[in-house]
Each structure stands twice: as structure tokens, then as C-alpha cells.
Amino acid sequence: QVQLVESGGGSVQAGGSLRLSCAASGGTFSTYAMGWFRQSPGK
């Protein structure tokens, strides 16, 4: 069973930095396309 687990989110002030990580398991990810997406309220 494929699982993707994100981590690293949080709160930061404008101008700051964050690093997100995604750990994948249950598939042959070395051959997949992977990516980051986002969704804001109402968008």
C-alpha cells in the first residue's frame, strides 16, 4: 500500500524559511514523478 507522509510544516514570519519533507513507502518511487502541491482556503 502506497503511503506518502509529509512533515516540516509550521508557522514562520514573512521572509523566513521552511523545509518540507515527504516520505514515500509501498511503491517503486525511484521511477515515479513526485511533487509538491498546495491549497489555500477558497482556492
All heavy atoms as atom14 arrays in JSON, in Angstrom:
{
  "sequence": "QVQLVESGGGSVQAGGSLRLSCAASGGTFSTYAMGWFRQSPGK",
  "atom14_mask": [
    [1, 1, 1, 1, 1, 1, 1, 1, 1, 0, 0, 0, 0, 0],
    [1, 1, 1, 1, 1, 1, 1, 0, 0, 0, 0, 0, 0, 0],
    [1, 1, 1, 1, 1, 1, 1, 1, 1, 0, 0, 0, 0, 0],
    [1, 1, 1, 1, 1, 1, 1, 1, 0, 0, 0, 0, 0, 0],
    [1, 1, 1, 1, 1, 1, 1, 0, 0, 0, 0, 0, 0, 0],
    [1, 1, 1, 1, 1, 1, 1, 1, 1, 0, 0, 0, 0, 0],
    [1, 1, 1, 1, 1, 1, 0, 0, 0, 0, 0, 0, 0, 0],
    [1, 1, 1, 1, 0, 0, 0, 0, 0, 0, 0, 0, 0, 0],
    [1, 1, 1, 1, 0, 0, 0, 0, 0, 0, 0, 0, 0, 0],
    [1, 1, 1, 1, 0, 0, 0, 0, 0, 0, 0, 0, 0, 0],
    [1, 1, 1, 1, 1, 1, 0, 0, 0, 0, 0, 0, 0, 0],
    [1, 1, 1, 1, 1, 1, 1, 0, 0, 0, 0, 0, 0, 0],
    [1, 1, 1, 1, 1, 1, 1, 1, 1, 0, 0, 0, 0, 0],
    [1, 1, 1, 1, 1, 0, 0, 0, 0, 0, 0, 0, 0, 0],
    [1, 1, 1, 1, 0, 0, 0, 0, 0, 0, 0, 0, 0, 0],
    [1, 1, 1, 1, 0, 0, 0, 0, 0, 0, 0, 0, 0, 0],
    [1, 1, 1, 1, 1, 1, 0, 0, 0, 0, 0, 0, 0, 0],
    [1, 1, 1, 1, 1, 1, 1, 1, 0, 0, 0, 0, 0, 0],
    [1, 1, 1, 1, 1, 1, 1, 1, 1, 1, 1, 0, 0, 0],
    [1, 1, 1, 1, 1, 1, 1, 1, 0, 0, 0, 0, 0, 0],
    [1, 1, 1, 1, 1, 1, 0, 0, 0, 0, 0, 0, 0, 0],
    [1, 1, 1, 1, 1, 1, 0, 0, 0, 0, 0, 0, 0, 0],
    [1, 1, 1, 1, 1, 0, 0, 0, 0, 0, 0, 0, 0, 0],
    [1, 1, 1, 1, 1, 0, 0, 0, 0, 0, 0, 0, 0, 0],
    [1, 1, 1, 1, 1, 1, 0, 0, 0, 0, 0, 0, 0, 0],
    [1, 1, 1, 1, 0, 0, 0, 0, 0, 0, 0, 0, 0, 0],
    [1, 1, 1, 1, 0, 0, 0, 0, 0, 0, 0, 0, 0, 0],
    [1, 1, 1, 1, 1, 1, 1, 0, 0, 0, 0, 0, 0, 0],
    [1, 1, 1, 1, 1, 1, 1, 1, 1, 1, 1, 0, 0, 0],
    [1, 1, 1, 1, 1, 1, 0, 0, 0, 0, 0, 0, 0, 0],
    [1, 1, 1, 1, 1, 1, 1, 0, 0, 0, 0, 0, 0, 0],
    [1, 1, 1, 1, 1, 1, 1, 1, 1, 1, 1, 1, 0, 0],
    [1, 1, 1, 1, 1, 0, 0, 0, 0, 0, 0, 0, 0, 0],
    [1, 1, 1, 1, 1, 1, 1, 1, 0, 0, 0, 0, 0, 0],
    [1, 1, 1, 1, 0, 0, 0, 0, 0, 0, 0, 0, 0, 0],
    [1, 1, 1, 1, 1, 1, 1, 1, 1, 1, 1, 1, 1, 1],
    [1, 1, 1, 1, 1, 1, 1, 1, 1, 1, 1, 0, 0, 0],
    [1, 1, 1, 1, 1, 1, 1, 1, 1, 1, 1, 0, 0, 0],
    [1, 1, 1, 1, 1, 1, 1, 1, 1, 0, 0, 0, 0, 0],
    [1, 1, 1, 1, 1, 1, 0, 0, 0, 0, 0, 0, 0, 0],
    [1, 1, 1, 1, 1, 1, 1, 0, 0, 0, 0, 0, 0, 0],
    [1, 1, 1, 1, 0, 0, 0, 0, 0, 0, 0, 0, 0, 0],
    [1, 1, 1, 1, 1, 1, 1, 1, 1, 0, 0, 0, 0, 0]
  ],
  "atom14_positions": [
    [[0.85, -1.19, 0.0], [0.0, 0.0, 0.0], [0.88, 1.24, 0.0], [1.76, 1.4, 0.84], [-0.89, 0.01, 1.24], [-1.83, 1.19, 1.31], [-2.72, 1.14, 2.54], [-2.71, 0.16, 3.28], [-3.48, 2.19, 2.75], [0.0, 0.0, 0.0], [0.0, 0.0, 0.0], [0.0, 0.0, 0.0], [0.0, 0.0, 0.0], [0.0, 0.0, 0.0]],
    [[0.63, 2.11, -0.97], [1.42, 3.33, -1.08], [1.04, 4.32, 0.01], [-0.14, 4.56, 0.27], [1.22, 3.97, -2.46], [1.87, 5.34, -2.51], [1.78, 3.06, -3.55], [0.0, 0.0, 0.0], [0.0, 0.0, 0.0], [0.0, 0.0, 0.0], [0.0, 0.0, 0.0], [0.0, 0.0, 0.0], [0.0, 0.0, 0.0], [0.0, 0.0, 0.0]],
    [[2.05, 4.88, 0.63], [1.81, 5.91, 1.64], [2.79, 7.06, 1.42], [3.97, 6.84, 1.13], [2.0, 5.36, 3.05], [0.84, 4.52, 3.55], [0.94, 4.24, 5.04], [2.01, 3.97, 5.55], [-0.19, 4.32, 5.73], [0.0, 0.0, 0.0], [0.0, 0.0, 0.0], [0.0, 0.0, 0.0], [0.0, 0.0, 0.0], [0.0, 0.0, 0.0]],
    [[2.28, 8.25, 1.54], [3.1, 9.46, 1.48], [2.84, 10.24, 2.76], [1.68, 10.52, 3.1], [2.72, 10.32, 0.27], [2.83, 9.65, -1.1], [2.27, 10.56, -2.18], [4.27, 9.31, -1.42], [0.0, 0.0, 0.0], [0.0, 0.0, 0.0], [0.0, 0.0, 0.0], [0.0, 0.0, 0.0], [0.0, 0.0, 0.0], [0.0, 0.0, 0.0]],
    [[3.88, 10.57, 3.46], [3.74, 11.27, 4.73], [4.58, 12.54, 4.7], [5.81, 12.48, 4.58], [4.17, 10.38, 5.92], [4.03, 11.13, 7.22], [3.35, 9.09, 5.94], [0.0, 0.0, 0.0], [0.0, 0.0, 0.0], [0.0, 0.0, 0.0], [0.0, 0.0, 0.0], [0.0, 0.0, 0.0], [0.0, 0.0, 0.0], [0.0, 0.0, 0.0]],
    [[3.89, 13.68, 4.81], [4.57, 14.96, 4.81], [4.94, 15.38, 6.23], [4.26, 15.02, 7.19], [3.7, 16.06, 4.21], [3.24, 15.82, 2.78], [1.85, 15.26, 2.71], [1.41, 14.62, 3.7], [1.17, 15.44, 1.67], [0.0, 0.0, 0.0], [0.0, 0.0, 0.0], [0.0, 0.0, 0.0], [0.0, 0.0, 0.0], [0.0, 0.0, 0.0]],
    [[5.99, 16.16, 6.33], [6.38, 16.73, 7.61], [7.1, 18.05, 7.35], [7.5, 18.34, 6.21], [7.28, 15.77, 8.4], [8.46, 15.5, 7.68], [0.0, 0.0, 0.0], [0.0, 0.0, 0.0], [0.0, 0.0, 0.0], [0.0, 0.0, 0.0], [0.0, 0.0, 0.0], [0.0, 0.0, 0.0], [0.0, 0.0, 0.0], [0.0, 0.0, 0.0]],
    [[7.27, 18.82, 8.41], [8.05, 20.04, 8.3], [7.26, 21.33, 8.21], [7.84, 22.41, 8.18], [0.0, 0.0, 0.0], [0.0, 0.0, 0.0], [0.0, 0.0, 0.0], [0.0, 0.0, 0.0], [0.0, 0.0, 0.0], [0.0, 0.0, 0.0], [0.0, 0.0, 0.0], [0.0, 0.0, 0.0], [0.0, 0.0, 0.0], [0.0, 0.0, 0.0]],
    [[5.95, 21.22, 8.16], [5.15, 22.44, 8.12], [5.2, 23.16, 9.46], [5.74, 22.66, 10.44], [0.0, 0.0, 0.0], [0.0, 0.0, 0.0], [0.0, 0.0, 0.0], [0.0, 0.0, 0.0], [0.0, 0.0, 0.0], [0.0, 0.0, 0.0], [0.0, 0.0, 0.0], [0.0, 0.0, 0.0], [0.0, 0.0, 0.0], [0.0, 0.0, 0.0]],
    [[4.66, 24.35, 9.48], [4.64, 25.13, 10.71], [4.36, 26.58, 10.43], [3.88, 26.94, 9.35], [0.0, 0.0, 0.0], [0.0, 0.0, 0.0], [0.0, 0.0, 0.0], [0.0, 0.0, 0.0], [0.0, 0.0, 0.0], [0.0, 0.0, 0.0], [0.0, 0.0, 0.0], [0.0, 0.0, 0.0], [0.0, 0.0, 0.0], [0.0, 0.0, 0.0]],
    [[4.65, 27.39, 11.42], [4.41, 28.83, 11.31], [5.74, 29.56, 11.25], [6.69, 29.22, 11.96], [3.61, 29.31, 12.53], [2.34, 28.7, 12.57], [0.0, 0.0, 0.0], [0.0, 0.0, 0.0], [0.0, 0.0, 0.0], [0.0, 0.0, 0.0], [0.0, 0.0, 0.0], [0.0, 0.0, 0.0], [0.0, 0.0, 0.0], [0.0, 0.0, 0.0]],
    [[5.78, 30.56, 10.4], [7.01, 31.33, 10.22], [6.63, 32.75, 9.84], [5.54, 32.99, 9.29], [7.9, 30.68, 9.13], [7.23, 30.72, 7.78], [9.28, 31.28, 9.1], [0.0, 0.0, 0.0], [0.0, 0.0, 0.0], [0.0, 0.0, 0.0], [0.0, 0.0, 0.0], [0.0, 0.0, 0.0], [0.0, 0.0, 0.0], [0.0, 0.0, 0.0]],
    [[7.51, 33.68, 10.11], [7.26, 35.06, 9.72], [7.67, 35.27, 8.27], [8.51, 34.54, 7.73], [8.02, 36.02, 10.63], [7.47, 36.09, 12.04], [8.06, 37.23, 12.83], [9.23, 37.57, 12.66], [7.27, 37.82, 13.72], [0.0, 0.0, 0.0], [0.0, 0.0, 0.0], [0.0, 0.0, 0.0], [0.0, 0.0, 0.0], [0.0, 0.0, 0.0]],
    [[7.08, 36.27, 7.67], [7.42, 36.61, 6.29], [8.93, 36.82, 6.14], [9.56, 37.42, 7.0], [6.66, 37.86, 5.86], [0.0, 0.0, 0.0], [0.0, 0.0, 0.0], [0.0, 0.0, 0.0], [0.0, 0.0, 0.0], [0.0, 0.0, 0.0], [0.0, 0.0, 0.0], [0.0, 0.0, 0.0], [0.0, 0.0, 0.0], [0.0, 0.0, 0.0]],
    [[9.45, 36.28, 5.07], [10.88, 36.34, 4.83], [11.63, 35.14, 5.36], [12.81, 34.95, 5.04], [0.0, 0.0, 0.0], [0.0, 0.0, 0.0], [0.0, 0.0, 0.0], [0.0, 0.0, 0.0], [0.0, 0.0, 0.0], [0.0, 0.0, 0.0], [0.0, 0.0, 0.0], [0.0, 0.0, 0.0], [0.0, 0.0, 0.0], [0.0, 0.0, 0.0]],
    [[10.96, 34.32, 6.14], [11.59, 33.15, 6.73], [11.62, 31.96, 5.78], [11.21, 32.05, 4.61], [0.0, 0.0, 0.0], [0.0, 0.0, 0.0], [0.0, 0.0, 0.0], [0.0, 0.0, 0.0], [0.0, 0.0, 0.0], [0.0, 0.0, 0.0], [0.0, 0.0, 0.0], [0.0, 0.0, 0.0], [0.0, 0.0, 0.0], [0.0, 0.0, 0.0]],
    [[12.08, 30.84, 6.31], [12.25, 29.62, 5.52], [11.66, 28.43, 6.25], [11.58, 28.41, 7.48], [13.74, 29.36, 5.27], [14.34, 30.42, 4.57], [0.0, 0.0, 0.0], [0.0, 0.0, 0.0], [0.0, 0.0, 0.0], [0.0, 0.0, 0.0], [0.0, 0.0, 0.0], [0.0, 0.0, 0.0], [0.0, 0.0, 0.0], [0.0, 0.0, 0.0]],
    [[11.24, 27.46, 5.47], [10.8, 26.17, 5.99], [11.24, 25.09, 5.02], [11.36, 25.35, 3.81], [9.28, 26.11, 6.14], [8.63, 26.78, 7.36], [7.11, 26.71, 7.22], [9.08, 26.12, 8.64], [0.0, 0.0, 0.0], [0.0, 0.0, 0.0], [0.0, 0.0, 0.0], [0.0, 0.0, 0.0], [0.0, 0.0, 0.0], [0.0, 0.0, 0.0]],
    [[11.42, 23.91, 5.55], [11.76, 22.75, 4.7], [10.73, 21.67, 4.94], [10.57, 21.2, 6.06], [13.16, 22.23, 5.02], [13.64, 21.17, 4.04], [15.07, 20.74, 4.37], [15.62, 19.83, 3.39], [16.31, 20.22, 2.3], [16.52, 21.51, 2.1], [16.79, 19.33, 1.46], [0.0, 0.0, 0.0], [0.0, 0.0, 0.0], [0.0, 0.0, 0.0]],
    [[10.05, 21.29, 3.89], [9.07, 20.21, 3.94], [9.71, 18.92, 3.45], [10.54, 18.95, 2.54], [7.86, 20.54, 3.07], [7.16, 21.87, 3.33], [5.94, 22.01, 2.41], [6.76, 22.02, 4.78], [0.0, 0.0, 0.0], [0.0, 0.0, 0.0], [0.0, 0.0, 0.0], [0.0, 0.0, 0.0], [0.0, 0.0, 0.0], [0.0, 0.0, 0.0]],
    [[9.3, 17.82, 4.04], [9.76, 16.51, 3.61], [8.58, 15.59, 3.36], [7.56, 15.72, 4.02], [10.68, 15.88, 4.67], [11.88, 16.6, 4.78], [0.0, 0.0, 0.0], [0.0, 0.0, 0.0], [0.0, 0.0, 0.0], [0.0, 0.0, 0.0], [0.0, 0.0, 0.0], [0.0, 0.0, 0.0], [0.0, 0.0, 0.0], [0.0, 0.0, 0.0]],
    [[8.76, 14.7, 2.42], [7.74, 13.71, 2.1], [8.41, 12.35, 2.06], [9.32, 12.13, 1.25], [7.08, 14.03, 0.77], [5.94, 12.75, 0.17], [0.0, 0.0, 0.0], [0.0, 0.0, 0.0], [0.0, 0.0, 0.0], [0.0, 0.0, 0.0], [0.0, 0.0, 0.0], [0.0, 0.0, 0.0], [0.0, 0.0, 0.0], [0.0, 0.0, 0.0]],
    [[7.96, 11.47, 2.92], [8.49, 10.11, 2.94], [7.51, 9.18, 2.27], [6.33, 9.13, 2.64], [8.72, 9.67, 4.4], [0.0, 0.0, 0.0], [0.0, 0.0, 0.0], [0.0, 0.0, 0.0], [0.0, 0.0, 0.0], [0.0, 0.0, 0.0], [0.0, 0.0, 0.0], [0.0, 0.0, 0.0], [0.0, 0.0, 0.0], [0.0, 0.0, 0.0]],
    [[8.0, 8.46, 1.27], [7.14, 7.57, 0.49], [7.47, 6.12, 0.79], [8.62, 5.77, 1.01], [7.33, 7.86, -1.01], [0.0, 0.0, 0.0], [0.0, 0.0, 0.0], [0.0, 0.0, 0.0], [0.0, 0.0, 0.0], [0.0, 0.0, 0.0], [0.0, 0.0, 0.0], [0.0, 0.0, 0.0], [0.0, 0.0, 0.0], [0.0, 0.0, 0.0]],
    [[6.44, 5.31, 0.78], [6.64, 3.88, 1.01], [5.58, 3.08, 0.25], [4.53, 3.63, -0.11], [6.59, 3.54, 2.49], [5.32, 3.87, 3.03], [0.0, 0.0, 0.0], [0.0, 0.0, 0.0], [0.0, 0.0, 0.0], [0.0, 0.0, 0.0], [0.0, 0.0, 0.0], [0.0, 0.0, 0.0], [0.0, 0.0, 0.0], [0.0, 0.0, 0.0]],
    [[5.88, 1.83, 0.0], [4.9, 0.95, -0.62], [4.88, 0.96, -2.13], [3.98, 0.38, -2.73], [0.0, 0.0, 0.0], [0.0, 0.0, 0.0], [0.0, 0.0, 0.0], [0.0, 0.0, 0.0], [0.0, 0.0, 0.0], [0.0, 0.0, 0.0], [0.0, 0.0, 0.0], [0.0, 0.0, 0.0], [0.0, 0.0, 0.0], [0.0, 0.0, 0.0]],
    [[5.85, 1.62, -2.76], [5.89, 1.66, -4.22], [7.31, 1.77, -4.73], [8.24, 1.93, -3.95], [0.0, 0.0, 0.0], [0.0, 0.0, 0.0], [0.0, 0.0, 0.0], [0.0, 0.0, 0.0], [0.0, 0.0, 0.0], [0.0, 0.0, 0.0], [0.0, 0.0, 0.0], [0.0, 0.0, 0.0], [0.0, 0.0, 0.0], [0.0, 0.0, 0.0]],
    [[7.44, 1.71, -6.05], [8.76, 1.83, -6.68], [9.0, 3.29, -7.02], [8.96, 3.7, -8.19], [8.83, 0.95, -7.94], [8.34, -0.36, -7.63], [10.26, 0.83, -8.44], [0.0, 0.0, 0.0], [0.0, 0.0, 0.0], [0.0, 0.0, 0.0], [0.0, 0.0, 0.0], [0.0, 0.0, 0.0], [0.0, 0.0, 0.0], [0.0, 0.0, 0.0]],
    [[9.26, 4.09, -6.03], [9.28, 5.54, -6.2], [10.46, 6.02, -7.01], [10.45, 7.15, -7.51], [9.2, 6.23, -4.84], [7.89, 5.99, -4.16], [7.74, 4.99, -3.22], [6.78, 6.75, -4.5], [6.52, 4.76, -2.61], [5.56, 6.52, -3.9], [5.42, 5.52, -2.95], [0.0, 0.0, 0.0], [0.0, 0.0, 0.0], [0.0, 0.0, 0.0]],
    [[11.46, 5.21, -7.17], [12.62, 5.64, -7.94], [12.26, 5.85, -9.41], [13.02, 6.46, -10.15], [13.75, 4.62, -7.82], [13.32, 3.36, -8.3], [0.0, 0.0, 0.0], [0.0, 0.0, 0.0], [0.0, 0.0, 0.0], [0.0, 0.0, 0.0], [0.0, 0.0, 0.0], [0.0, 0.0, 0.0], [0.0, 0.0, 0.0], [0.0, 0.0, 0.0]],
    [[11.11, 5.36, -9.83], [10.69, 5.53, -11.22], [9.5, 6.47, -11.37], [9.0, 6.67, -12.47], [10.31, 4.17, -11.84], [9.17, 3.63, -11.13], [11.45, 3.18, -11.74], [0.0, 0.0, 0.0], [0.0, 0.0, 0.0], [0.0, 0.0, 0.0], [0.0, 0.0, 0.0], [0.0, 0.0, 0.0], [0.0, 0.0, 0.0], [0.0, 0.0, 0.0]],
    [[9.04, 7.07, -10.28], [7.84, 7.89, -10.32], [8.17, 9.37, -10.46], [9.26, 9.82, -10.13], [7.03, 7.72, -9.04], [6.47, 6.34, -8.8], [5.82, 6.05, -7.6], [6.55, 5.32, -9.75], [5.29, 4.8, -7.34], [6.02, 4.07, -9.5], [5.4, 3.81, -8.29], [4.86, 2.58, -8.04], [0.0, 0.0, 0.0], [0.0, 0.0, 0.0]],
    [[7.21, 10.12, -10.92], [7.24, 11.57, -10.76], [6.61, 11.9, -9.42], [5.62, 11.28, -9.02], [6.46, 12.25, -11.88], [0.0, 0.0, 0.0], [0.0, 0.0, 0.0], [0.0, 0.0, 0.0], [0.0, 0.0, 0.0], [0.0, 0.0, 0.0], [0.0, 0.0, 0.0], [0.0, 0.0, 0.0], [0.0, 0.0, 0.0], [0.0, 0.0, 0.0]],
    [[7.2, 12.83, -8.73], [6.69, 13.24, -7.44], [6.65, 14.76, -7.39], [7.31, 15.43, -8.18], [7.56, 12.69, -6.31], [7.6, 11.18, -6.27], [8.55, 10.52, -4.88], [7.49, 10.96, -3.5], [0.0, 0.0, 0.0], [0.0, 0.0, 0.0], [0.0, 0.0, 0.0], [0.0, 0.0, 0.0], [0.0, 0.0, 0.0], [0.0, 0.0, 0.0]],
    [[5.87, 15.27, -6.49], [5.79, 16.72, -6.46], [5.09, 17.27, -5.23], [4.53, 16.52, -4.42], [0.0, 0.0, 0.0], [0.0, 0.0, 0.0], [0.0, 0.0, 0.0], [0.0, 0.0, 0.0], [0.0, 0.0, 0.0], [0.0, 0.0, 0.0], [0.0, 0.0, 0.0], [0.0, 0.0, 0.0], [0.0, 0.0, 0.0], [0.0, 0.0, 0.0]],
    [[5.15, 18.57, -5.14], [4.5, 19.32, -4.08], [3.4, 20.19, -4.66], [3.6, 20.87, -5.68], [5.52, 20.19, -3.34], [6.47, 19.4, -2.49], [7.72, 18.99, -2.83], [6.22, 18.93, -1.18], [8.27, 18.28, -1.8], [7.37, 18.22, -0.77], [5.15, 19.02, -0.3], [7.48, 17.62, 0.48], [5.25, 18.43, 0.95], [6.4, 17.73, 1.33]],
    [[2.3, 20.19, -3.97], [1.13, 20.98, -4.36], [0.65, 21.73, -3.12], [1.02, 21.39, -2.0], [0.03, 20.06, -4.87], [0.44, 19.26, -6.08], [1.28, 18.16, -5.96], [0.01, 19.62, -7.35], [1.68, 17.44, -7.08], [0.4, 18.91, -8.47], [1.24, 17.82, -8.33], [0.0, 0.0, 0.0], [0.0, 0.0, 0.0], [0.0, 0.0, 0.0]],
    [[-0.16, 22.73, -3.33], [-0.69, 23.42, -2.18], [-2.1, 23.89, -2.45], [-2.52, 24.06, -3.6], [0.19, 24.62, -1.8], [0.11, 25.8, -2.75], [1.05, 26.9, -2.3], [0.8, 28.15, -3.0], [1.52, 29.25, -2.83], [2.55, 29.25, -1.99], [1.21, 30.36, -3.49], [0.0, 0.0, 0.0], [0.0, 0.0, 0.0], [0.0, 0.0, 0.0]],
    [[-2.83, 24.08, -1.37], [-4.2, 24.58, -1.47], [-4.47, 25.53, -0.33], [-4.3, 25.17, 0.85], [-5.2, 23.43, -1.46], [-6.62, 23.88, -1.75], [-7.54, 22.72, -2.1], [-7.28, 21.58, -1.74], [-8.62, 23.02, -2.8], [0.0, 0.0, 0.0], [0.0, 0.0, 0.0], [0.0, 0.0, 0.0], [0.0, 0.0, 0.0], [0.0, 0.0, 0.0]],
    [[-4.89, 26.74, -0.7], [-5.28, 27.74, 0.28], [-6.8, 27.75, 0.38], [-7.48, 27.35, -0.57], [-4.78, 29.12, -0.15], [-3.4, 29.12, -0.37], [0.0, 0.0, 0.0], [0.0, 0.0, 0.0], [0.0, 0.0, 0.0], [0.0, 0.0, 0.0], [0.0, 0.0, 0.0], [0.0, 0.0, 0.0], [0.0, 0.0, 0.0], [0.0, 0.0, 0.0]],
    [[-7.33, 28.2, 1.49], [-8.79, 28.25, 1.64], [-9.44, 29.03, 0.5], [-9.02, 30.14, 0.18], [-8.98, 28.96, 2.99], [-7.74, 28.66, 3.74], [-6.65, 28.65, 2.72], [0.0, 0.0, 0.0], [0.0, 0.0, 0.0], [0.0, 0.0, 0.0], [0.0, 0.0, 0.0], [0.0, 0.0, 0.0], [0.0, 0.0, 0.0], [0.0, 0.0, 0.0]],
    [[-10.44, 28.44, -0.1], [-11.17, 29.11, -1.17], [-10.5, 29.08, -2.52], [-11.01, 29.63, -3.49], [0.0, 0.0, 0.0], [0.0, 0.0, 0.0], [0.0, 0.0, 0.0], [0.0, 0.0, 0.0], [0.0, 0.0, 0.0], [0.0, 0.0, 0.0], [0.0, 0.0, 0.0], [0.0, 0.0, 0.0], [0.0, 0.0, 0.0], [0.0, 0.0, 0.0]],
    [[-9.34, 28.44, -2.59], [-8.62, 28.38, -3.86], [-8.45, 26.94, -4.31], [-8.52, 26.0, -3.52], [-7.25, 29.04, -3.72], [-7.3, 30.53, -3.44], [-5.91, 31.13, -3.47], [-5.94, 32.63, -3.27], [-4.58, 33.22, -3.31], [0.0, 0.0, 0.0], [0.0, 0.0, 0.0], [0.0, 0.0, 0.0], [0.0, 0.0, 0.0], [0.0, 0.0, 0.0]]
  ]
}
